[in-house]
Structures are given as C-alpha cells and as structure tokens.
Amino acid sequence: MTAKRTGLKWSYEEDRFLERHFKTMSDKEIADILGRTEIAVINRRTRRELVATIPCPKCNETTKIGVVNTYIPNKNTTKSGFYCRNCLTEYLKNGKIIPPYESSEEKEEKSI
C-alpha cells in the first residue's frame, strides 16, 4: 500500500480512474489504489456527483433515488444504502429491502 496523499489536489488521471471504476469497485479499493483515504474518495465522488444507483427493488424506479446511511438494527450498525422517493423504501446495494426501524417504545405502543 502506498502512502496516503492527504491534502493534495486530485489529478486528471485520478478523476478519470474514479469515473471509470466507482460503479465496480468499493471506495476502499479505489482509495488503496490511488493512495487516498476512503473518506477522500467518498468526498470526491460526492462532489463530482458520481453515484452508482441501483433501481428500487420494490417499484423499479431509477430517477428518484437518493443515497443514505441507514441503520441496520439486527447488526447495530449503519450502512450506505439507497432511498426511493417514489415508494419510500430503503435498500442496500445488493437489492435487499431494509424494513423500517421501530424502537422498543414503538413496538410496545403497537402491542397495547
């Protein structure tokens, strides 16, 4: 692994590499190849509006899709995923739909 190039401007070649590979490689893989941090790759992708959206598995919408960090309750973690503004569904890159999160208080209210 090469030393990280923190604080340096992105070169034309780096931007081209990012454009060609952001749909097929993870941010971490790109960061390792370019010698950047994963956060730097995510920030650059966001600024350049390079988002590999996956059609909604529920309604097949492709244009009203946003990128979100979503909470995965059974693993007690967050993941980057997608949000369909057409049918209000959150899902992961693999197409798995994420069920709406209910807190323990909400579950108790429903059971009453």
C-alpha atoms as a PDB file:
ATOM      1  CA  MET A   1       0.000   0.000   0.000  1.00  0.00           C
ATOM      2  CA  THR A   2       1.277   3.475  -0.841  1.00  0.00           C
ATOM      3  CA  ALA A   3       1.460   6.454   1.496  1.00  0.00           C
ATOM      4  CA  LYS A   4      -1.746   8.468   1.687  1.00  0.00           C
ATOM      5  CA  ARG A   5      -1.798  11.695  -0.314  1.00  0.00           C
ATOM      6  CA  THR A   6      -3.724  13.816   2.160  1.00  0.00           C
ATOM      7  CA  GLY A   7      -4.428  17.437   1.279  1.00  0.00           C
ATOM      8  CA  LEU A   8      -3.244  17.198  -2.334  1.00  0.00           C
ATOM      9  CA  LYS A   9      -5.344  18.222  -5.326  1.00  0.00           C
ATOM     10  CA  TRP A  10      -6.858  15.451  -7.375  1.00  0.00           C
ATOM     11  CA  SER A  11      -5.114  14.903 -10.706  1.00  0.00           C
ATOM     12  CA  TYR A  12      -6.909  14.439 -14.008  1.00  0.00           C
ATOM     13  CA  GLU A  13      -5.784  10.782 -14.050  1.00  0.00           C
ATOM     14  CA  GLU A  14      -7.203  10.166 -10.562  1.00  0.00           C
ATOM     15  CA  ASP A  15     -10.543  11.698 -11.538  1.00  0.00           C
ATOM     16  CA  ARG A  16     -10.652   9.558 -14.699  1.00  0.00           C
ATOM     17  CA  PHE A  17      -9.875   6.430 -12.652  1.00  0.00           C
ATOM     18  CA  LEU A  18     -12.652   7.316 -10.218  1.00  0.00           C
ATOM     19  CA  GLU A  19     -15.122   7.887 -13.075  1.00  0.00           C
ATOM     20  CA  ARG A  20     -14.267   4.546 -14.682  1.00  0.00           C
ATOM     21  CA  HIS A  21     -14.328   2.409 -11.542  1.00  0.00           C
ATOM     22  CA  PHE A  22     -16.750   3.883  -8.980  1.00  0.00           C
ATOM     23  CA  LYS A  23     -19.556   1.529 -10.078  1.00  0.00           C
ATOM     24  CA  THR A  24     -17.490  -1.657  -9.905  1.00  0.00           C
ATOM     25  CA  MET A  25     -15.041  -1.072  -7.038  1.00  0.00           C
ATOM     26  CA  SER A  26     -15.561  -0.134  -3.405  1.00  0.00           C
ATOM     27  CA  ASP A  27     -14.416   3.250  -2.121  1.00  0.00           C
ATOM     28  CA  LYS A  28     -11.793   1.449  -0.034  1.00  0.00           C
ATOM     29  CA  GLU A  29     -10.367  -0.372  -3.073  1.00  0.00           C
ATOM     30  CA  ILE A  30     -10.164   2.882  -5.035  1.00  0.00           C
ATOM     31  CA  ALA A  31      -8.556   4.644  -2.070  1.00  0.00           C
ATOM     32  CA  ASP A  32      -5.895   1.942  -1.746  1.00  0.00           C
ATOM     33  CA  ILE A  33      -5.030   2.080  -5.452  1.00  0.00           C
ATOM     34  CA  LEU A  34      -4.884   5.887  -5.569  1.00  0.00           C
ATOM     35  CA  GLY A  35      -3.133   6.257  -2.223  1.00  0.00           C
ATOM     36  CA  ARG A  36      -6.020   8.311  -0.834  1.00  0.00           C
ATOM     37  CA  THR A  37      -8.132   7.837   2.250  1.00  0.00           C
ATOM     38  CA  GLU A  38     -11.541   6.234   1.875  1.00  0.00           C
ATOM     39  CA  ILE A  39     -13.136   9.477   3.114  1.00  0.00           C
ATOM     40  CA  ALA A  40     -11.294  11.438   0.408  1.00  0.00           C
ATOM     41  CA  VAL A  41     -12.694   9.111  -2.271  1.00  0.00           C
ATOM     42  CA  ILE A  42     -16.228   9.391  -0.855  1.00  0.00           C
ATOM     43  CA  ASN A  43     -15.976  13.193  -0.710  1.00  0.00           C
ATOM     44  CA  ARG A  44     -14.614  13.422  -4.259  1.00  0.00           C
ATOM     45  CA  ARG A  45     -17.319  11.095  -5.593  1.00  0.00           C
ATOM     46  CA  THR A  46     -19.968  13.178  -3.864  1.00  0.00           C
ATOM     47  CA  ARG A  47     -18.593  16.479  -5.200  1.00  0.00           C
ATOM     48  CA  ARG A  48     -18.441  15.037  -8.722  1.00  0.00           C
ATOM     49  CA  GLU A  49     -21.952  13.576  -8.285  1.00  0.00           C
ATOM     50  CA  LEU A  50     -20.723  10.070  -9.092  1.00  0.00           C
ATOM     51  CA  VAL A  51     -23.306   7.800  -7.524  1.00  0.00           C
ATOM     52  CA  ALA A  52     -23.861   4.231  -8.641  1.00  0.00           C
ATOM     53  CA  THR A  53     -27.586   3.968  -8.085  1.00  0.00           C
ATOM     54  CA  ILE A  54     -29.392   0.658  -8.192  1.00  0.00           C
ATOM     55  CA  PRO A  55     -33.052   0.622  -9.333  1.00  0.00           C
ATOM     56  CA  CYS A  56     -35.538   0.269  -6.484  1.00  0.00           C
ATOM     57  CA  PRO A  57     -36.312  -3.433  -5.950  1.00  0.00           C
ATOM     58  CA  LYS A  58     -39.884  -2.600  -4.923  1.00  0.00           C
ATOM     59  CA  CYS A  59     -41.077  -0.246  -7.692  1.00  0.00           C
ATOM     60  CA  ASN A  60     -38.134  -0.363 -10.180  1.00  0.00           C
ATOM     61  CA  GLU A  61     -37.770   3.455 -10.082  1.00  0.00           C
ATOM     62  CA  THR A  62     -34.398   4.740 -11.334  1.00  0.00           C
ATOM     63  CA  THR A  63     -34.638   8.533 -11.227  1.00  0.00           C
ATOM     64  CA  LYS A  64     -35.964   9.302  -7.730  1.00  0.00           C
ATOM     65  CA  ILE A  65     -33.182   7.508  -5.860  1.00  0.00           C
ATOM     66  CA  GLY A  66     -31.046   9.053  -3.124  1.00  0.00           C
ATOM     67  CA  VAL A  67     -28.034   7.792  -1.205  1.00  0.00           C
ATOM     68  CA  VAL A  68     -28.414   7.442   2.568  1.00  0.00           C
ATOM     69  CA  ASN A  69     -26.695   5.977   5.589  1.00  0.00           C
ATOM     70  CA  THR A  70     -29.208   3.588   7.041  1.00  0.00           C
ATOM     71  CA  TYR A  71     -29.399   1.854  10.415  1.00  0.00           C
ATOM     72  CA  ILE A  72     -29.274  -1.950  10.433  1.00  0.00           C
ATOM     73  CA  PRO A  73     -30.866  -2.849  13.793  1.00  0.00           C
ATOM     74  CA  ASN A  74     -30.040  -6.577  13.926  1.00  0.00           C
ATOM     75  CA  LYS A  75     -26.332  -5.760  13.448  1.00  0.00           C
ATOM     76  CA  ASN A  76     -26.450  -2.476  15.414  1.00  0.00           C
ATOM     77  CA  THR A  77     -24.556  -0.655  12.681  1.00  0.00           C
ATOM     78  CA  THR A  78     -25.075   1.709   9.760  1.00  0.00           C
ATOM     79  CA  LYS A  79     -24.520   1.050   6.067  1.00  0.00           C
ATOM     80  CA  SER A  80     -24.571   3.121   2.949  1.00  0.00           C
ATOM     81  CA  GLY A  81     -27.722   2.393   1.012  1.00  0.00           C
ATOM     82  CA  PHE A  82     -30.339   3.886  -1.262  1.00  0.00           C
ATOM     83  CA  TYR A  83     -33.700   5.535  -0.669  1.00  0.00           C
ATOM     84  CA  CYS A  84     -36.517   5.530  -3.214  1.00  0.00           C
ATOM     85  CA  ARG A  85     -38.534   8.743  -3.022  1.00  0.00           C
ATOM     86  CA  ASN A  86     -41.261   7.147  -5.143  1.00  0.00           C
ATOM     87  CA  CYS A  87     -42.269   4.297  -2.798  1.00  0.00           C
ATOM     88  CA  LEU A  88     -40.347   5.421   0.349  1.00  0.00           C
ATOM     89  CA  THR A  89     -38.215   2.282   0.520  1.00  0.00           C
ATOM     90  CA  GLU A  90     -34.641   1.946   1.785  1.00  0.00           C
ATOM     91  CA  TYR A  91     -32.474  -0.787   0.303  1.00  0.00           C
ATOM     92  CA  LEU A  92     -28.882  -1.930   0.069  1.00  0.00           C
ATOM     93  CA  LYS A  93     -26.572  -2.206  -2.932  1.00  0.00           C
ATOM     94  CA  ASN A  94     -27.425  -5.907  -3.245  1.00  0.00           C
ATOM     95  CA  GLY A  95     -31.132  -5.012  -3.643  1.00  0.00           C
ATOM     96  CA  LYS A  96     -32.179  -6.196  -0.182  1.00  0.00           C
ATOM     97  CA  ILE A  97     -35.008  -4.046   1.198  1.00  0.00           C
ATOM     98  CA  ILE A  98     -34.390  -2.712   4.701  1.00  0.00           C
ATOM     99  CA  PRO A  99     -37.509  -2.884   6.883  1.00  0.00           C
ATOM    100  CA  PRO A 100     -38.472   0.321   8.719  1.00  0.00           C
ATOM    101  CA  TYR A 101     -36.797   0.586  12.112  1.00  0.00           C
ATOM    102  CA  GLU A 102     -39.061   0.504  15.156  1.00  0.00           C
ATOM    103  CA  SER A 103     -37.711   1.417  18.565  1.00  0.00           C
ATOM    104  CA  SER A 104     -38.674  -0.738  21.557  1.00  0.00           C
ATOM    105  CA  GLU A 105     -41.062   2.046  22.673  1.00  0.00           C
ATOM    106  CA  GLU A 106     -42.846   1.984  19.309  1.00  0.00           C
ATOM    107  CA  LYS A 107     -43.161  -1.806  19.490  1.00  0.00           C
ATOM    108  CA  GLU A 108     -44.697  -1.556  22.971  1.00  0.00           C
ATOM    109  CA  GLU A 109     -47.247   1.027  21.798  1.00  0.00           C
ATOM    110  CA  LYS A 110     -48.340  -1.244  18.948  1.00  0.00           C
ATOM    111  CA  SER A 111     -48.824  -4.216  21.253  1.00  0.00           C
ATOM    112  CA  ILE A 112     -51.169  -2.290  23.563  1.00  0.00           C
END
